[in-house]
Amino acid sequence: MSSTRNVSVRFADTALLYIVNRQQDYDKKNDVARNELWYTAADFHSMRQAVAQDVFHVRAQALAGVPFNYAGDDESSVCCVGIENFLTAGFMVEMSACRERCTDAVLVEQAREDHHSARAIAIASFAQTKKVVRRATMLGKVHQDSI
């Protein structure tokens, strides 16, 4: 097992700027339907409904004693990647509490009069998210072969 302590995120030295036309700037001669370019409120609603149905399905299977299949390999099972935080009430409460702690820590750091830097704000955020990062890392390692 290799150590991940020396792994860090690196960003590009230069930023790329993409100009995206406003929705109303697309006209018929572009021959591109506006609803094909942007998600609509109905699209977002459908996505939320699909997630809710998947969560309900996984919870129902768990109550029925169906063996848990994290990757959802067959048609009757749901892939749980991305919906882990909704599968149990405990996970939902923990994620909500983590978001609140992180937000509070960042706001406290920003409110400091002596100084606040991007580095100090990031450290305040990281300090509050260690537990969920550790859990996500462990989930990833456990299920890496099934995804």
C-alpha atoms as a PDB file:
ATOM      1  CA  MET A   1       0.000   0.000   0.000  1.00  0.00           C
ATOM      2  CA  SER A   2       1.576   3.294  -1.028  1.00  0.00           C
ATOM      3  CA  SER A   3       1.425   6.447   1.014  1.00  0.00           C
ATOM      4  CA  THR A   4      -0.653   9.311  -0.330  1.00  0.00           C
ATOM      5  CA  ARG A   5       0.732  11.952   2.026  1.00  0.00           C
ATOM      6  CA  ASN A   6       3.084  13.403  -0.595  1.00  0.00           C
ATOM      7  CA  VAL A   7       0.420  13.603  -3.305  1.00  0.00           C
ATOM      8  CA  SER A   8      -0.819  17.095  -4.030  1.00  0.00           C
ATOM      9  CA  VAL A   9      -3.085  18.816  -6.485  1.00  0.00           C
ATOM     10  CA  ARG A  10      -1.378  20.886  -9.144  1.00  0.00           C
ATOM     11  CA  PHE A  11      -3.108  23.510 -11.254  1.00  0.00           C
ATOM     12  CA  ALA A  12      -2.103  24.845 -14.651  1.00  0.00           C
ATOM     13  CA  ASP A  13       0.048  27.963 -14.601  1.00  0.00           C
ATOM     14  CA  THR A  14      -2.187  29.678 -17.106  1.00  0.00           C
ATOM     15  CA  ALA A  15      -5.918  30.089 -17.160  1.00  0.00           C
ATOM     16  CA  LEU A  16      -7.977  29.524 -20.276  1.00  0.00           C
ATOM     17  CA  LEU A  17     -10.836  31.858 -21.065  1.00  0.00           C
ATOM     18  CA  TYR A  18     -13.877  30.548 -22.898  1.00  0.00           C
ATOM     19  CA  ILE A  19     -16.508  33.004 -24.075  1.00  0.00           C
ATOM     20  CA  VAL A  20     -20.002  31.514 -24.064  1.00  0.00           C
ATOM     21  CA  ASN A  21     -22.726  33.417 -25.831  1.00  0.00           C
ATOM     22  CA  ARG A  22     -25.808  34.305 -23.868  1.00  0.00           C
ATOM     23  CA  GLN A  23     -28.789  32.086 -24.511  1.00  0.00           C
ATOM     24  CA  GLN A  24     -30.756  34.791 -26.262  1.00  0.00           C
ATOM     25  CA  ASP A  25     -27.839  35.416 -28.664  1.00  0.00           C
ATOM     26  CA  TYR A  26     -28.423  32.084 -30.391  1.00  0.00           C
ATOM     27  CA  ASP A  27     -30.694  32.445 -33.360  1.00  0.00           C
ATOM     28  CA  LYS A  28     -32.257  30.136 -35.885  1.00  0.00           C
ATOM     29  CA  LYS A  29     -29.431  30.447 -38.404  1.00  0.00           C
ATOM     30  CA  ASN A  30     -27.106  28.726 -35.924  1.00  0.00           C
ATOM     31  CA  ASP A  31     -29.515  25.790 -36.230  1.00  0.00           C
ATOM     32  CA  VAL A  32     -28.924  24.867 -32.583  1.00  0.00           C
ATOM     33  CA  ALA A  33     -31.907  24.591 -30.324  1.00  0.00           C
ATOM     34  CA  ARG A  34     -31.511  26.575 -27.138  1.00  0.00           C
ATOM     35  CA  ASN A  35     -32.648  23.663 -24.964  1.00  0.00           C
ATOM     36  CA  GLU A  36     -29.791  21.544 -26.362  1.00  0.00           C
ATOM     37  CA  LEU A  37     -27.184  24.007 -25.055  1.00  0.00           C
ATOM     38  CA  TRP A  38     -28.244  24.491 -21.441  1.00  0.00           C
ATOM     39  CA  TYR A  39     -29.899  22.466 -18.717  1.00  0.00           C
ATOM     40  CA  THR A  40     -33.390  23.663 -18.009  1.00  0.00           C
ATOM     41  CA  ALA A  41     -35.223  23.734 -14.680  1.00  0.00           C
ATOM     42  CA  ALA A  42     -37.085  20.629 -15.864  1.00  0.00           C
ATOM     43  CA  ASP A  43     -33.757  18.879 -16.572  1.00  0.00           C
ATOM     44  CA  PHE A  44     -32.522  19.636 -13.051  1.00  0.00           C
ATOM     45  CA  HIS A  45     -35.822  18.436 -11.613  1.00  0.00           C
ATOM     46  CA  SER A  46     -35.541  15.180 -13.573  1.00  0.00           C
ATOM     47  CA  MET A  47     -31.974  14.654 -12.352  1.00  0.00           C
ATOM     48  CA  ARG A  48     -33.037  15.183  -8.731  1.00  0.00           C
ATOM     49  CA  GLN A  49     -35.965  12.781  -9.208  1.00  0.00           C
ATOM     50  CA  ALA A  50     -33.643  10.131 -10.691  1.00  0.00           C
ATOM     51  CA  VAL A  51     -31.291  10.408  -7.712  1.00  0.00           C
ATOM     52  CA  ALA A  52     -34.220  10.176  -5.279  1.00  0.00           C
ATOM     53  CA  GLN A  53     -35.525   7.066  -7.072  1.00  0.00           C
ATOM     54  CA  ASP A  54     -32.080   5.445  -7.002  1.00  0.00           C
ATOM     55  CA  VAL A  55     -31.705   6.152  -3.282  1.00  0.00           C
ATOM     56  CA  PHE A  56     -35.181   4.771  -2.594  1.00  0.00           C
ATOM     57  CA  HIS A  57     -34.368   1.642  -4.616  1.00  0.00           C
ATOM     58  CA  VAL A  58     -31.094   1.015  -2.752  1.00  0.00           C
ATOM     59  CA  ARG A  59     -32.758   1.559   0.630  1.00  0.00           C
ATOM     60  CA  ALA A  60     -35.615  -0.798  -0.299  1.00  0.00           C
ATOM     61  CA  GLN A  61     -33.145  -3.471  -1.388  1.00  0.00           C
ATOM     62  CA  ALA A  62     -31.235  -3.094   1.884  1.00  0.00           C
ATOM     63  CA  LEU A  63     -34.457  -3.502   3.896  1.00  0.00           C
ATOM     64  CA  ALA A  64     -35.333  -6.604   1.877  1.00  0.00           C
ATOM     65  CA  GLY A  65     -31.924  -8.122   2.608  1.00  0.00           C
ATOM     66  CA  VAL A  66     -30.757  -8.039  -1.005  1.00  0.00           C
ATOM     67  CA  PRO A  67     -26.950  -8.257  -1.193  1.00  0.00           C
ATOM     68  CA  PHE A  68     -25.409  -4.835  -1.706  1.00  0.00           C
ATOM     69  CA  ASN A  69     -23.811  -4.239  -5.113  1.00  0.00           C
ATOM     70  CA  TYR A  70     -21.980  -0.892  -4.938  1.00  0.00           C
ATOM     71  CA  ALA A  71     -21.197  -0.651  -8.659  1.00  0.00           C
ATOM     72  CA  GLY A  72     -24.675  -1.672  -9.819  1.00  0.00           C
ATOM     73  CA  ASP A  73     -23.407  -4.200 -12.335  1.00  0.00           C
ATOM     74  CA  ASP A  74     -26.758  -5.671 -13.316  1.00  0.00           C
ATOM     75  CA  GLU A  75     -29.969  -4.025 -14.516  1.00  0.00           C
ATOM     76  CA  SER A  76     -31.801  -4.516 -11.227  1.00  0.00           C
ATOM     77  CA  SER A  77     -29.227  -2.715  -9.102  1.00  0.00           C
ATOM     78  CA  VAL A  78     -28.238   0.919  -8.804  1.00  0.00           C
ATOM     79  CA  CYS A  79     -24.686   2.256  -9.024  1.00  0.00           C
ATOM     80  CA  CYS A  80     -24.100   3.997  -5.698  1.00  0.00           C
ATOM     81  CA  VAL A  81     -21.170   6.109  -6.853  1.00  0.00           C
ATOM     82  CA  GLY A  82     -22.144   9.703  -6.138  1.00  0.00           C
ATOM     83  CA  ILE A  83     -25.184   8.958  -3.979  1.00  0.00           C
ATOM     84  CA  GLU A  84     -23.373   7.445  -0.974  1.00  0.00           C
ATOM     85  CA  ASN A  85     -24.219  10.417   1.230  1.00  0.00           C
ATOM     86  CA  PHE A  86     -27.955   9.845   0.774  1.00  0.00           C
ATOM     87  CA  LEU A  87     -28.077   6.141   1.535  1.00  0.00           C
ATOM     88  CA  THR A  88     -28.470   6.413   5.306  1.00  0.00           C
ATOM     89  CA  ALA A  89     -29.795   9.069   7.654  1.00  0.00           C
ATOM     90  CA  GLY A  90     -26.440   9.040   9.465  1.00  0.00           C
ATOM     91  CA  PHE A  91     -24.518   9.888   6.299  1.00  0.00           C
ATOM     92  CA  MET A  92     -26.964  12.671   5.476  1.00  0.00           C
ATOM     93  CA  VAL A  93     -26.674  14.220   8.940  1.00  0.00           C
ATOM     94  CA  GLU A  94     -22.866  13.949   8.890  1.00  0.00           C
ATOM     95  CA  MET A  95     -22.583  15.591   5.465  1.00  0.00           C
ATOM     96  CA  SER A  96     -24.881  18.424   6.479  1.00  0.00           C
ATOM     97  CA  ALA A  97     -22.946  18.960   9.713  1.00  0.00           C
ATOM     98  CA  CYS A  98     -19.649  18.848   7.823  1.00  0.00           C
ATOM     99  CA  ARG A  99     -20.833  21.517   5.373  1.00  0.00           C
ATOM    100  CA  GLU A 100     -21.950  23.732   8.257  1.00  0.00           C
ATOM    101  CA  ARG A 101     -18.644  23.282  10.126  1.00  0.00           C
ATOM    102  CA  CYS A 102     -16.658  24.019   6.984  1.00  0.00           C
ATOM    103  CA  THR A 103     -18.721  27.115   6.152  1.00  0.00           C
ATOM    104  CA  ASP A 104     -18.435  28.409   9.725  1.00  0.00           C
ATOM    105  CA  ALA A 105     -14.665  27.838   9.802  1.00  0.00           C
ATOM    106  CA  VAL A 106     -14.185  29.682   6.508  1.00  0.00           C
ATOM    107  CA  LEU A 107     -16.400  32.599   7.597  1.00  0.00           C
ATOM    108  CA  VAL A 108     -14.537  32.876  10.918  1.00  0.00           C
ATOM    109  CA  GLU A 109     -11.210  32.928   9.083  1.00  0.00           C
ATOM    110  CA  GLN A 110     -12.464  35.550   6.638  1.00  0.00           C
ATOM    111  CA  ALA A 111     -13.717  37.707   9.508  1.00  0.00           C
ATOM    112  CA  ARG A 112     -10.331  37.812  11.229  1.00  0.00           C
ATOM    113  CA  GLU A 113      -9.128  41.410  11.340  1.00  0.00           C
ATOM    114  CA  ASP A 114      -5.399  40.755  11.590  1.00  0.00           C
ATOM    115  CA  HIS A 115      -5.231  38.971   8.257  1.00  0.00           C
ATOM    116  CA  HIS A 116      -6.880  36.350   6.206  1.00  0.00           C
ATOM    117  CA  SER A 117      -5.220  34.729   3.264  1.00  0.00           C
ATOM    118  CA  ALA A 118      -6.388  32.206   0.744  1.00  0.00           C
ATOM    119  CA  ARG A 119      -4.008  29.718   2.353  1.00  0.00           C
ATOM    120  CA  ALA A 120      -5.455  30.261   5.843  1.00  0.00           C
ATOM    121  CA  ILE A 121      -8.993  29.948   4.488  1.00  0.00           C
ATOM    122  CA  ALA A 122      -8.090  26.707   2.691  1.00  0.00           C
ATOM    123  CA  ILE A 123      -6.502  25.299   5.857  1.00  0.00           C
ATOM    124  CA  ALA A 124      -9.635  26.180   7.837  1.00  0.00           C
ATOM    125  CA  SER A 125     -11.729  24.339   5.250  1.00  0.00           C
ATOM    126  CA  PHE A 126      -9.426  21.306   5.107  1.00  0.00           C
ATOM    127  CA  ALA A 127      -9.431  20.998   8.885  1.00  0.00           C
ATOM    128  CA  GLN A 128     -13.214  20.575   8.890  1.00  0.00           C
ATOM    129  CA  THR A 129     -13.394  18.092   6.017  1.00  0.00           C
ATOM    130  CA  LYS A 130     -10.717  15.573   7.008  1.00  0.00           C
ATOM    131  CA  LYS A 131     -13.211  12.965   8.180  1.00  0.00           C
ATOM    132  CA  VAL A 132     -15.298  12.905   5.001  1.00  0.00           C
ATOM    133  CA  VAL A 133     -12.202  12.984   2.805  1.00  0.00           C
ATOM    134  CA  ARG A 134     -10.838   9.976   4.699  1.00  0.00           C
ATOM    135  CA  ARG A 135     -14.184   8.166   4.296  1.00  0.00           C
ATOM    136  CA  ALA A 136     -14.328   8.923   0.561  1.00  0.00           C
ATOM    137  CA  THR A 137     -10.748   7.724   0.116  1.00  0.00           C
ATOM    138  CA  MET A 138     -11.506   4.478   1.922  1.00  0.00           C
ATOM    139  CA  LEU A 139     -14.684   3.958  -0.144  1.00  0.00           C
ATOM    140  CA  GLY A 140     -12.700   4.540  -3.310  1.00  0.00           C
ATOM    141  CA  LYS A 141     -10.058   1.986  -2.332  1.00  0.00           C
ATOM    142  CA  VAL A 142     -12.616  -0.608  -1.259  1.00  0.00           C
ATOM    143  CA  HIS A 143     -14.674  -0.291  -4.426  1.00  0.00           C
ATOM    144  CA  GLN A 144     -12.038   0.593  -7.020  1.00  0.00           C
ATOM    145  CA  ASP A 145     -12.256  -2.814  -8.693  1.00  0.00           C
ATOM    146  CA  SER A 146     -16.031  -2.785  -8.940  1.00  0.00           C
ATOM    147  CA  ILE A 147     -16.295   0.576 -10.672  1.00  0.00           C
END
